[in-house]
Amino acid sequence: MSKEQKPSEDLKPCPFCGSRVFQFGYRFYPEADSRWKNGTIVKCLGCRVDGPEYLHPSSMPKEDAEKAAEKLWNERSYEEPMLF
């Protein structure tokens, strides 16, 4: 996992804790049968929840994969945090 902190202005608050402090996470799947061997996620640093993983080929530029992970993080059917 990367420790690169993401400015929160591009991302919606965490739906679980409301935090606006995030980092990107990167995964590599060497045993994958297809060309989709890398994964990029947004991780909330408030409650440590991971957003949906964006799977992509290893040849994809890091910035493009991060933009796609941001888009997945921001897609949701509700706007208010689900505080428990």
Protein backbone atom coordinates (compact mmCIF):
# COMPACT_ATOMS: atom_id res chain seq x y z
CA MET A 1 0.00 0.00 0.00
CA SER A 2 1.16 3.47 -0.79
CA LYS A 3 1.34 6.24 1.79
CA GLU A 4 0.57 8.99 -0.73
CA GLN A 5 -2.11 11.17 0.85
CA LYS A 6 -4.78 12.45 -1.55
CA PRO A 7 -6.13 16.00 -1.34
CA SER A 8 -9.78 15.56 -0.42
CA GLU A 9 -11.27 18.22 -2.73
CA ASP A 10 -11.60 15.64 -5.54
CA LEU A 11 -13.25 13.00 -3.35
CA LYS A 12 -16.55 12.81 -1.52
CA PRO A 13 -16.35 12.28 2.26
CA CYS A 14 -16.15 8.71 3.52
CA PRO A 15 -19.67 7.22 3.61
CA PHE A 16 -18.91 5.47 6.91
CA CYS A 17 -17.10 8.04 9.06
CA GLY A 18 -17.33 11.32 7.11
CA SER A 19 -13.54 11.77 6.94
CA ARG A 20 -11.99 13.69 4.06
CA VAL A 21 -8.46 12.31 4.47
CA PHE A 22 -7.51 9.57 2.00
CA GLN A 23 -4.63 7.72 0.41
CA PHE A 24 -4.33 5.52 -2.66
CA GLY A 25 -3.62 1.84 -2.30
CA TYR A 26 -1.98 -0.28 -4.99
CA ARG A 27 -2.18 -4.04 -5.44
CA PHE A 28 -0.45 -6.40 -7.82
CA TYR A 29 -1.79 -9.83 -8.72
CA PRO A 30 1.08 -11.84 -10.23
CA GLU A 31 -1.02 -15.01 -10.51
CA ALA A 32 -3.83 -13.37 -12.49
CA ASP A 33 -4.83 -15.25 -15.64
CA SER A 34 -5.72 -12.12 -17.56
CA ARG A 35 -4.04 -8.83 -18.34
CA TRP A 36 -5.85 -7.13 -15.41
CA LYS A 37 -3.01 -7.61 -12.95
CA ASN A 38 -3.04 -4.35 -11.00
CA GLY A 39 -5.59 -2.82 -8.65
CA THR A 40 -5.93 0.73 -7.37
CA ILE A 41 -8.16 1.76 -4.46
CA VAL A 42 -8.97 4.82 -2.37
CA LYS A 43 -8.56 4.17 1.36
CA CYS A 44 -10.13 6.35 4.06
CA LEU A 45 -7.57 7.24 6.71
CA GLY A 46 -10.34 8.00 9.23
CA CYS A 47 -11.80 4.49 9.49
CA ARG A 48 -9.43 2.56 7.14
CA VAL A 49 -12.22 1.38 4.82
CA ASP A 50 -11.26 0.62 1.20
CA GLY A 51 -13.29 1.87 -1.72
CA PRO A 52 -14.08 -0.33 -4.72
CA GLU A 53 -10.98 -1.67 -6.44
CA TYR A 54 -10.27 -0.53 -9.99
CA LEU A 55 -8.58 -3.42 -11.87
CA HIS A 56 -6.34 -2.42 -14.77
CA PRO A 57 -3.44 -3.59 -16.91
CA SER A 58 0.04 -2.94 -15.55
CA SER A 59 0.75 -0.72 -18.57
CA MET A 60 -1.88 1.86 -17.51
CA PRO A 61 -0.34 5.12 -16.22
CA LYS A 62 -0.65 5.52 -12.44
CA GLU A 63 -2.48 8.86 -12.77
CA ASP A 64 -5.17 7.31 -15.00
CA ALA A 65 -5.70 4.43 -12.58
CA GLU A 66 -6.01 6.88 -9.67
CA LYS A 67 -8.61 8.95 -11.56
CA ALA A 68 -10.63 5.77 -12.22
CA ALA A 69 -10.39 4.77 -8.52
CA GLU A 70 -11.57 8.28 -7.55
CA LYS A 71 -14.57 7.90 -9.85
CA LEU A 72 -15.50 4.56 -8.24
CA TRP A 73 -15.14 6.08 -4.75
CA ASN A 74 -17.41 8.99 -5.66
CA GLU A 75 -20.17 6.81 -7.16
CA ARG A 76 -22.85 6.18 -4.54
CA SER A 77 -26.60 6.39 -4.22
CA TYR A 78 -26.58 8.52 -1.04
CA GLU A 79 -24.71 11.62 0.09
CA GLU A 80 -24.83 11.55 3.89
CA PRO A 81 -22.28 9.51 5.90
CA MET A 82 -23.72 6.34 7.44
CA LEU A 83 -22.57 7.08 10.98
CA PHE A 84 -23.19 4.18 13.34
